[in-house]
């Protein structure tokens, strides 16, 4: 069970880094075909959509974690499921920071190296 929970935490922490690099929401073709003025609008649309999704994950993840307080991990009866479920809201908060960071300082390395 610890390995499963560690994998969940790694995924939700890794998503924040992927958002920061702009690798999660792939709109590369549309971005390439758009004029510079539309590209900035596209950046804001993608950011708003990502933040809306992350807000839902944060809200329901926190609710799910609080409901899991009364459960214990199988095989580790002293550990509450709260700590496993907490990966969702914590990952969402860090991902929100990454999304805003990508909006303010975009890193489009995949666009520059693509052919």
Protein backbone atom coordinates (compact mmCIF):
# COMPACT_ATOMS: atom_id res chain seq x y z
CA UNK A 1 0.00 0.00 0.00
CA UNK A 2 2.83 2.41 0.71
CA UNK A 3 4.14 1.98 -2.82
CA UNK A 4 0.71 2.79 -4.27
CA UNK A 5 0.39 5.92 -2.16
CA UNK A 6 3.95 6.96 -2.99
CA UNK A 7 3.15 6.66 -6.69
CA UNK A 8 0.03 8.79 -6.27
CA UNK A 9 2.04 11.47 -4.46
CA UNK A 10 4.77 11.36 -7.12
CA UNK A 11 2.24 11.82 -9.91
CA UNK A 12 0.52 14.77 -8.26
CA UNK A 13 3.85 16.43 -7.45
CA UNK A 14 5.11 15.78 -10.99
CA UNK A 15 2.02 17.35 -12.52
CA UNK A 16 3.04 20.68 -10.99
CA UNK A 17 6.41 20.54 -12.78
CA UNK A 18 4.72 19.58 -16.04
CA UNK A 19 2.33 22.53 -15.76
CA UNK A 20 5.25 24.85 -15.07
CA UNK A 21 6.95 23.72 -18.28
CA UNK A 22 3.72 23.99 -20.25
CA UNK A 23 3.75 20.28 -21.04
CA UNK A 24 0.33 19.30 -19.70
CA UNK A 25 -2.06 21.27 -21.88
CA UNK A 26 -0.92 20.66 -25.40
CA UNK A 27 -2.21 23.22 -27.88
CA UNK A 28 1.00 23.41 -29.89
CA UNK A 29 -0.54 23.21 -33.37
CA UNK A 30 -3.11 25.88 -32.63
CA UNK A 31 -0.40 28.00 -31.02
CA UNK A 32 1.87 27.69 -34.08
CA UNK A 33 -0.90 28.60 -36.53
CA UNK A 34 -2.12 31.61 -34.55
CA UNK A 35 -0.87 35.19 -34.97
CA UNK A 36 0.99 36.69 -31.96
CA UNK A 37 -2.07 38.60 -30.65
CA UNK A 38 -4.19 35.45 -30.60
CA UNK A 39 -1.41 33.47 -28.93
CA UNK A 40 -1.64 35.58 -25.79
CA UNK A 41 -5.43 35.14 -25.73
CA UNK A 42 -4.87 31.40 -26.16
CA UNK A 43 -2.47 31.45 -23.20
CA UNK A 44 -5.15 33.04 -21.01
CA UNK A 45 -7.87 30.63 -22.18
CA UNK A 46 -5.66 27.61 -21.44
CA UNK A 47 -4.68 29.07 -18.06
CA UNK A 48 -8.29 29.72 -17.05
CA UNK A 49 -9.35 26.22 -18.12
CA UNK A 50 -6.45 24.61 -16.23
CA UNK A 51 -7.14 26.68 -13.10
CA UNK A 52 -10.83 25.75 -13.24
CA UNK A 53 -9.96 22.04 -13.41
CA UNK A 54 -7.42 22.38 -10.61
CA UNK A 55 -9.95 24.24 -8.47
CA UNK A 56 -12.34 21.31 -8.81
CA UNK A 57 -9.55 18.87 -7.90
CA UNK A 58 -8.60 21.03 -4.91
CA UNK A 59 -12.19 21.35 -3.65
CA UNK A 60 -13.20 17.72 -4.03
CA UNK A 61 -9.75 16.41 -3.09
CA UNK A 62 -9.88 18.25 0.22
CA UNK A 63 -13.41 16.96 0.83
CA UNK A 64 -12.31 13.42 -0.03
CA UNK A 65 -9.29 13.66 2.25
CA UNK A 66 -11.42 14.85 5.16
CA UNK A 67 -13.85 12.01 4.63
CA UNK A 68 -10.92 9.57 4.65
CA UNK A 69 -9.83 10.57 8.16
CA UNK A 70 -11.94 7.83 9.68
CA UNK A 71 -10.39 5.14 7.46
CA UNK A 72 -7.07 3.48 8.08
CA UNK A 73 -4.60 2.08 5.59
CA UNK A 74 -4.81 -1.69 5.23
CA UNK A 75 -1.74 -3.18 6.87
CA UNK A 76 -0.84 0.14 8.49
CA UNK A 77 -3.71 0.58 10.91
CA UNK A 78 -2.05 3.55 12.62
CA UNK A 79 -1.94 5.58 9.39
CA UNK A 80 -5.07 7.43 8.30
CA UNK A 81 -6.17 7.45 4.66
CA UNK A 82 -6.23 11.24 4.99
CA UNK A 83 -2.50 11.30 4.20
CA UNK A 84 -2.97 9.31 1.01
CA UNK A 85 -5.91 11.39 -0.22
CA UNK A 86 -4.16 14.64 0.67
CA UNK A 87 -2.09 14.25 -2.52
CA UNK A 88 -5.00 15.64 -4.57
CA UNK A 89 -5.39 19.07 -2.93
CA UNK A 90 -1.65 19.51 -2.33
CA UNK A 91 -0.86 18.62 -5.94
CA UNK A 92 -3.60 20.97 -7.14
CA UNK A 93 -2.17 23.90 -5.15
CA UNK A 94 1.34 23.36 -6.51
CA UNK A 95 -0.07 22.87 -10.01
CA UNK A 96 -1.92 26.18 -9.74
CA UNK A 97 1.38 27.85 -8.93
CA UNK A 98 2.93 26.14 -11.96
CA UNK A 99 0.09 27.21 -14.26
CA UNK A 100 0.39 30.85 -13.19
CA UNK A 101 4.18 30.62 -13.47
CA UNK A 102 3.85 29.30 -17.01
CA UNK A 103 1.52 32.18 -17.90
CA UNK A 104 3.92 34.79 -16.52
CA UNK A 105 7.11 33.18 -17.84
CA UNK A 106 6.29 30.66 -20.60
CA UNK A 107 8.80 27.93 -21.35
CA UNK A 108 8.02 26.56 -24.80
CA UNK A 109 11.03 24.37 -25.35
CA UNK A 110 9.00 21.69 -27.14
CA UNK A 111 7.81 24.23 -29.72
CA UNK A 112 11.36 25.34 -30.50
CA UNK A 113 12.69 21.81 -30.96
CA UNK A 114 9.68 20.41 -32.87
CA UNK A 115 9.86 20.13 -36.62
